[in-house]
Protein backbone atom coordinates (compact mmCIF):
# COMPACT_ATOMS: atom_id res chain seq x y z
CA UNK A 1 72.81 122.92 131.80
CA UNK A 2 73.98 123.68 128.29
CA UNK A 3 77.42 121.15 128.48
CA UNK A 4 74.97 118.68 130.68
CA UNK A 5 72.89 118.54 127.92
CA UNK A 6 75.20 118.06 124.61
CA UNK A 7 76.88 115.55 126.89
CA UNK A 8 73.78 113.42 127.71
CA UNK A 9 72.93 113.45 123.47
CA UNK A 10 76.53 112.46 122.52
CA UNK A 11 76.62 109.46 125.36
CA UNK A 12 74.31 107.64 122.79
CA UNK A 13 70.55 106.71 122.63
CA UNK A 14 69.99 103.42 125.35
CA UNK A 15 66.30 104.91 125.27
CA UNK A 16 64.76 107.07 122.42
CA UNK A 17 63.74 109.52 125.16
CA UNK A 18 67.25 110.32 125.85
CA UNK A 19 67.76 113.49 122.89
CA UNK A 20 64.34 114.71 123.93
CA UNK A 21 65.72 115.50 127.26
CA UNK A 22 69.06 116.32 126.53
CA UNK A 23 67.49 118.66 123.93
CA UNK A 24 65.37 120.28 126.77
CA UNK A 25 68.05 120.75 129.16
CA UNK A 26 70.21 122.44 126.55
CA UNK A 27 67.56 124.74 125.34
CA UNK A 28 66.23 125.99 129.22
CA UNK A 29 70.80 126.73 129.89
CA UNK A 30 70.39 128.82 126.79
CA UNK A 31 67.60 130.30 127.24
CA UNK A 32 68.35 131.03 131.10
CA UNK A 33 72.30 131.81 129.84
CA UNK A 34 70.69 134.85 127.25
CA UNK A 35 68.55 136.00 130.09
CA UNK A 36 71.43 136.50 132.54
CA UNK A 37 73.13 138.25 129.22
CA UNK A 38 70.28 140.83 129.19
CA UNK A 39 69.66 141.22 132.72
CA UNK A 40 73.67 141.91 133.55
CA UNK A 41 73.33 144.53 130.25
CA UNK A 42 70.62 146.64 132.10
CA UNK A 43 72.57 146.89 135.14
CA UNK A 44 75.10 147.72 133.47
CA UNK A 45 73.57 150.93 131.97
CA UNK A 46 71.46 152.03 134.99
CA UNK A 47 70.58 155.30 132.71
CA UNK A 48 70.26 153.89 129.35
CA UNK A 49 68.36 150.30 130.30
CA UNK A 50 67.99 150.50 126.44
CA UNK A 51 70.73 150.07 125.43
CA UNK A 52 71.56 147.86 128.05
CA UNK A 53 69.23 145.47 126.68
CA UNK A 54 70.32 146.26 122.61
CA UNK A 55 73.77 145.63 122.89
CA UNK A 56 73.45 141.87 124.41
CA UNK A 57 70.35 141.33 122.18
CA UNK A 58 72.89 142.38 119.29
CA UNK A 59 75.55 140.33 120.55
CA UNK A 60 73.50 137.23 120.84
CA UNK A 61 72.32 137.86 116.96
CA UNK A 62 75.69 138.63 115.98
CA UNK A 63 76.98 134.86 117.45
CA UNK A 64 73.81 133.22 115.84
CA UNK A 65 74.46 134.89 112.11
CA UNK A 66 78.19 133.76 112.95
CA UNK A 67 77.66 130.20 113.88
CA UNK A 68 75.06 129.88 111.18
């Protein structure tokens, strides 16, 4: 979904609504992928769900800081 959003944005704006739709698709894909990462972290550490939730949050924050 994130790739589709970026491709739609790069394709040009033949209609004024296309960039907004592209941003919405990209945002939905980003939220879904982050949620999947958080659930995966919890399943990796079933006895320490706080660690399983904290590590993916930390990885997302580091990625965002490096891309800023």
